[in-house]
């Protein structure tokens, strides 16, 4: 079986391969991951079967949403009040509440964690105040963006995927970084970790496995509603999230289910295009 040697253009990561379809897993291993020599399709299928069998062995699992715990820490309570007041003042509708839960029982829709990226957070989220700063009161940063433009086309180099092109009635079109809160979305009797996988993994990795309190304060939003709706464009992911055996965040810490891989480094562009179309009046 091909091995993953040290590569300066690859990032250490873990992936929950067994919850992918065979086709998606083979594509992920061959196109997203780095192997030297390159992985054959048959080798990729063999790797997938190992983790798929571990998932199938689970059968039906309890994926009930974690119980909400009281927020008693003064600084966490202050942060929660600030987030909710700001949301109400600015008319933000997607933020519902700020809650304390055990993240290990959250459903995971994102099948990977870039551990190399998560490690950069570990010293910054190793305390309650650090978590508040990095996961709750975390204003979007404003890096210098490199922009190339031509008629009806704009390409913007962005530091990561959480950027979009939006229209504000007061300020016009904007290139905007999405909110950086660590967020969850409740659906049915379950709750998924929507955003903040790397920070949450870093915080949990800092804690002792038998720690009495492994809870986190996170923002409850409606951001993931569409993914679990009947109108979701990816019915495969939806079926996994609402099915009998969804992946849970705790699976990123269980060697039966995660595979260590190296991901090819990527850079990200926000590519904006305009097209003039004649439409019957």
Protein backbone atom coordinates (compact mmCIF):
# COMPACT_ATOMS: atom_id res chain seq x y z
CA UNK A 1 0.00 0.00 0.00
CA UNK A 2 1.40 3.46 -0.91
CA UNK A 3 2.64 5.52 2.00
CA UNK A 4 2.48 9.24 2.76
CA UNK A 5 6.05 10.61 2.88
CA UNK A 6 6.95 14.08 4.09
CA UNK A 7 5.80 16.60 1.52
CA UNK A 8 6.12 20.39 1.80
CA UNK A 9 3.00 20.87 -0.34
CA UNK A 10 0.70 18.71 1.78
CA UNK A 11 -1.11 19.17 5.10
CA UNK A 12 -1.67 16.61 7.86
CA UNK A 13 -5.34 15.78 8.28
CA UNK A 14 -7.78 13.10 9.39
CA UNK A 15 -10.87 11.98 7.48
CA UNK A 16 -13.95 9.92 8.36
CA UNK A 17 -13.65 7.84 5.22
CA UNK A 18 -16.24 5.22 6.16
CA UNK A 19 -19.15 7.63 5.95
CA UNK A 20 -18.36 8.52 2.34
CA UNK A 21 -19.73 6.61 -0.61
CA UNK A 22 -17.21 4.42 -2.38
CA UNK A 23 -17.06 6.78 -5.36
CA UNK A 24 -16.58 9.87 -3.18
CA UNK A 25 -13.94 8.13 -1.06
CA UNK A 26 -11.93 6.98 -4.08
CA UNK A 27 -12.12 10.45 -5.60
CA UNK A 28 -11.10 12.06 -2.28
CA UNK A 29 -8.12 9.77 -1.77
CA UNK A 30 -6.87 10.06 -5.35
CA UNK A 31 -7.55 13.74 -6.05
CA UNK A 32 -7.58 15.57 -2.71
CA UNK A 33 -4.99 13.55 -0.80
CA UNK A 34 -1.28 13.18 -1.53
CA UNK A 35 0.36 9.77 -1.88
CA UNK A 36 3.78 8.87 -3.26
CA UNK A 37 3.61 6.77 -5.31
CA UNK A 38 0.08 7.78 -6.36
CA UNK A 39 -2.73 5.65 -4.98
CA UNK A 40 -4.41 3.25 -7.41
CA UNK A 41 -8.20 3.04 -7.58
CA UNK A 42 -8.08 -0.50 -6.15
CA UNK A 43 -5.87 0.57 -3.24
CA UNK A 44 -8.28 3.43 -2.55
CA UNK A 45 -11.22 1.03 -2.52
CA UNK A 46 -9.40 -1.26 -0.09
CA UNK A 47 -8.77 1.64 2.29
CA UNK A 48 -12.39 2.73 2.06
CA UNK A 49 -13.73 -0.80 2.74
CA UNK A 50 -11.75 -1.02 5.98
CA UNK A 51 -13.39 2.11 7.41
CA UNK A 52 -16.76 1.40 5.82
CA UNK A 53 -16.87 -1.98 7.55
CA UNK A 54 -16.18 -0.26 10.89
CA UNK A 55 -19.12 2.08 10.30
CA UNK A 56 -21.45 -0.73 9.25
CA UNK A 57 -20.53 -2.63 12.41
CA UNK A 58 -22.02 0.20 14.47
CA UNK A 59 -25.53 -0.49 13.23
CA UNK A 60 -28.10 2.00 14.49
CA UNK A 61 -26.54 4.53 16.86
CA UNK A 62 -27.92 7.12 19.26
CA UNK A 63 -27.39 10.56 17.73
CA UNK A 64 -29.62 12.52 20.10
CA UNK A 65 -28.58 16.15 20.50
CA UNK A 66 -26.38 16.80 23.54
CA UNK A 67 -28.15 18.23 26.58
CA UNK A 68 -27.82 21.97 27.08
CA UNK A 69 -25.96 22.97 30.22
CA UNK A 70 -26.20 26.24 32.13
CA UNK A 71 -23.68 28.96 31.27
CA UNK A 72 -22.34 29.91 34.68
CA UNK A 73 -18.94 31.35 33.77
CA UNK A 74 -19.11 35.16 34.02
CA UNK A 75 -17.03 35.84 30.92
CA UNK A 76 -18.94 33.28 28.85
CA UNK A 77 -22.24 34.78 29.99
CA UNK A 78 -21.03 38.25 29.02
CA UNK A 79 -19.97 37.01 25.59
CA UNK A 80 -23.32 35.29 25.04
CA UNK A 81 -25.21 38.47 25.95
CA UNK A 82 -23.03 40.52 23.61
CA UNK A 83 -23.60 38.19 20.66
CA UNK A 84 -27.36 38.04 21.14
CA UNK A 85 -27.75 41.79 21.68
CA UNK A 86 -25.69 42.53 18.58
CA UNK A 87 -27.76 40.07 16.53
CA UNK A 88 -31.00 41.69 17.63
CA UNK A 89 -29.66 45.21 17.07
CA UNK A 90 -28.48 44.44 13.52
CA UNK A 91 -31.49 42.35 12.51
CA UNK A 92 -29.52 39.12 12.17
CA UNK A 93 -32.07 36.30 11.96
CA UNK A 94 -29.90 33.20 11.76
CA UNK A 95 -28.54 33.44 15.33
CA UNK A 96 -31.00 31.83 17.75
CA UNK A 97 -29.09 31.44 21.00
CA UNK A 98 -25.73 30.84 22.67
CA UNK A 99 -25.57 27.45 24.38
CA UNK A 100 -23.22 25.19 26.34
CA UNK A 101 -23.07 21.57 25.13
CA UNK A 102 -20.75 18.57 24.90
CA UNK A 103 -19.54 18.78 21.28
CA UNK A 104 -18.63 15.10 21.15
CA UNK A 105 -22.30 14.20 20.56
CA UNK A 106 -22.80 16.63 17.69
CA UNK A 107 -23.42 15.21 14.22
CA UNK A 108 -20.53 16.01 11.87
CA UNK A 109 -21.35 16.97 8.29
CA UNK A 110 -17.72 17.87 7.47
CA UNK A 111 -15.80 14.58 7.12
CA UNK A 112 -12.30 15.93 7.71
CA UNK A 113 -10.18 17.99 10.09
CA UNK A 114 -6.88 19.46 8.95
CA UNK A 115 -4.95 18.66 12.11
CA UNK A 116 -2.02 20.82 11.01
CA UNK A 117 -4.37 23.78 10.89
CA UNK A 118 -6.11 22.82 14.12
CA UNK A 119 -2.76 22.61 15.94
CA UNK A 120 -2.28 26.34 15.35
CA UNK A 121 -5.31 26.98 17.56
CA UNK A 122 -4.34 24.73 20.46
CA UNK A 123 -2.45 27.32 22.51
CA UNK A 124 -5.12 29.93 21.72
CA UNK A 125 -8.09 27.88 22.95
CA UNK A 126 -6.53 26.17 25.96
CA UNK A 127 -8.54 28.28 28.41
CA UNK A 128 -12.09 29.52 28.77
CA UNK A 129 -11.04 33.08 27.90
CA UNK A 130 -9.10 31.82 24.90
CA UNK A 131 -12.16 29.94 23.65
CA UNK A 132 -14.33 33.04 24.06
CA UNK A 133 -11.87 35.09 22.03
CA UNK A 134 -11.37 32.54 19.23
CA UNK A 135 -14.83 30.97 19.00
CA UNK A 136 -17.37 33.54 20.19
CA UNK A 137 -16.11 37.13 20.12
CA UNK A 138 -14.19 36.62 16.90
CA UNK A 139 -14.73 39.47 14.47
CA UNK A 140 -13.92 38.73 10.81
CA UNK A 141 -10.36 39.68 9.98
CA UNK A 142 -9.63 42.07 7.12
CA UNK A 143 -6.59 40.82 5.20
CA UNK A 144 -5.28 42.63 2.15
CA UNK A 145 -7.03 40.89 -0.73
CA UNK A 146 -5.40 40.53 -4.13
CA UNK A 147 -7.94 41.42 -6.81
CA UNK A 148 -7.71 40.91 -10.58
CA UNK A 149 -10.46 42.32 -12.75
CA UNK A 150 -11.59 42.62 -16.34
CA UNK A 151 -14.89 43.33 -18.09
CA UNK A 152 -17.59 41.27 -16.33
CA UNK A 153 -15.01 39.31 -14.32
CA UNK A 154 -13.36 39.65 -10.92
CA UNK A 155 -10.97 37.14 -9.29
CA UNK A 156 -10.17 37.65 -5.61
CA UNK A 157 -7.51 35.67 -3.77
CA UNK A 158 -8.90 34.83 -0.31
CA UNK A 159 -7.12 33.09 2.59
CA UNK A 160 -9.74 30.34 3.06
CA UNK A 161 -13.14 29.15 1.88
CA UNK A 162 -15.33 31.21 4.23
CA UNK A 163 -15.75 34.18 1.89
CA UNK A 164 -18.62 35.28 -0.33
CA UNK A 165 -19.87 37.98 -2.68
CA UNK A 166 -22.89 39.71 -1.16
CA UNK A 167 -25.11 42.71 -1.79
CA UNK A 168 -25.87 45.15 1.02
CA UNK A 169 -28.66 47.65 0.17
CA UNK A 170 -26.77 50.39 2.01
CA UNK A 171 -23.17 49.60 1.04
CA UNK A 172 -23.61 47.90 -2.33
CA UNK A 173 -21.75 44.79 -3.51
CA UNK A 174 -19.13 43.51 -1.08
CA UNK A 175 -16.53 40.77 -0.80
CA UNK A 176 -17.24 39.58 2.71
CA UNK A 177 -15.85 37.06 5.16
CA UNK A 178 -18.54 34.99 6.83
CA UNK A 179 -19.10 35.16 10.60
CA UNK A 180 -16.38 33.25 12.46
CA UNK A 181 -18.41 31.98 15.42
CA UNK A 182 -18.28 28.27 16.19
CA UNK A 183 -21.85 27.33 15.35
CA UNK A 184 -24.35 24.48 15.62
CA UNK A 185 -27.72 23.80 14.00
CA UNK A 186 -30.51 21.76 15.59
CA UNK A 187 -32.73 19.51 13.47
CA UNK A 188 -35.22 16.88 14.55
CA UNK A 189 -33.85 15.55 17.83
CA UNK A 190 -30.25 16.04 16.66
CA UNK A 191 -27.74 18.85 16.45
CA UNK A 192 -24.85 19.23 14.02
CA UNK A 193 -21.61 21.11 14.31
CA UNK A 194 -21.99 23.55 11.44
CA UNK A 195 -18.82 25.69 11.57
CA UNK A 196 -15.66 25.70 13.66
CA UNK A 197 -14.35 22.16 13.26
CA UNK A 198 -10.68 23.05 13.60
CA UNK A 199 -11.12 25.18 16.71
CA UNK A 200 -13.42 22.63 18.33
CA UNK A 201 -10.99 19.81 17.59
CA UNK A 202 -8.14 21.87 19.06
CA UNK A 203 -10.09 22.55 22.25
CA UNK A 204 -11.09 18.92 22.70
CA UNK A 205 -7.55 17.72 21.95
CA UNK A 206 -6.32 19.95 24.80
CA UNK A 207 -8.59 18.24 27.31
CA UNK A 208 -7.86 15.01 29.13
CA UNK A 209 -9.96 12.09 27.79
CA UNK A 210 -11.49 11.59 31.24
CA UNK A 211 -12.04 15.29 31.98
CA UNK A 212 -15.16 15.93 34.06
CA UNK A 213 -16.25 18.88 31.92
CA UNK A 214 -15.69 18.66 28.17
CA UNK A 215 -18.36 21.20 27.25
CA UNK A 216 -18.09 24.21 24.96
CA UNK A 217 -20.08 27.40 24.58
CA UNK A 218 -21.19 27.76 20.95
CA UNK A 219 -23.67 29.76 18.87
CA UNK A 220 -26.93 28.05 17.86
CA UNK A 221 -27.95 29.10 14.35
CA UNK A 222 -30.20 28.11 11.46
CA UNK A 223 -27.24 28.02 9.06
CA UNK A 224 -27.43 24.28 8.43
CA UNK A 225 -31.20 24.07 7.97
CA UNK A 226 -31.01 23.88 4.19
CA UNK A 227 -28.53 21.00 4.24
CA UNK A 228 -30.98 18.73 6.08
CA UNK A 229 -34.07 19.93 4.19
CA UNK A 230 -35.83 17.98 1.44
CA UNK A 231 -34.63 20.65 -1.00
CA UNK A 232 -30.93 20.07 -0.24
CA UNK A 233 -28.91 19.74 -3.46
CA UNK A 234 -26.82 16.97 -1.89
CA UNK A 235 -29.27 14.30 -0.90
CA UNK A 236 -26.43 11.87 -0.15
CA UNK A 237 -25.12 14.08 2.66
CA UNK A 238 -28.67 14.73 3.86
CA UNK A 239 -29.44 11.01 4.01
CA UNK A 240 -26.28 10.48 6.05
CA UNK A 241 -27.14 13.25 8.53
CA UNK A 242 -30.73 12.10 9.11
CA UNK A 243 -30.00 8.37 8.80
CA UNK A 244 -29.60 5.68 11.45
CA UNK A 245 -25.81 6.04 11.80
CA UNK A 246 -24.56 9.57 11.21
CA UNK A 247 -20.94 10.50 11.97
CA UNK A 248 -20.45 12.23 15.31
CA UNK A 249 -17.74 14.68 16.29
CA UNK A 250 -16.37 12.10 18.74
CA UNK A 251 -15.45 9.90 15.76
CA UNK A 252 -12.55 12.24 14.95
CA UNK A 253 -10.97 10.93 18.18
CA UNK A 254 -11.68 7.23 17.60
CA UNK A 255 -8.99 5.39 15.62
CA UNK A 256 -11.55 2.89 14.35
CA UNK A 257 -13.12 5.60 12.24
CA UNK A 258 -10.58 8.23 11.23
CA UNK A 259 -7.75 7.81 8.75
CA UNK A 260 -4.63 9.96 8.81
CA UNK A 261 -3.97 11.51 5.40
CA UNK A 262 -2.04 14.30 3.77
CA UNK A 263 -4.08 16.84 1.81
CA UNK A 264 -2.76 18.69 -1.19
CA UNK A 265 -2.34 22.36 -0.33
CA UNK A 266 -4.83 24.65 -2.03
CA UNK A 267 -5.21 28.35 -2.56
CA UNK A 268 -8.64 29.88 -2.87
CA UNK A 269 -10.13 32.36 -5.30
CA UNK A 270 -13.54 33.97 -5.20
CA UNK A 271 -14.39 34.08 -8.90
CA UNK A 272 -17.17 36.50 -9.80
CA UNK A 273 -18.68 36.57 -13.29
CA UNK A 274 -21.40 38.69 -14.89
CA UNK A 275 -23.32 37.74 -18.01
CA UNK A 276 -25.81 39.82 -19.97
CA UNK A 277 -28.80 37.69 -20.95
CA UNK A 278 -31.77 38.65 -23.13
CA UNK A 279 -35.01 37.53 -21.47
CA UNK A 280 -38.47 37.64 -23.03
CA UNK A 281 -40.41 40.59 -21.58
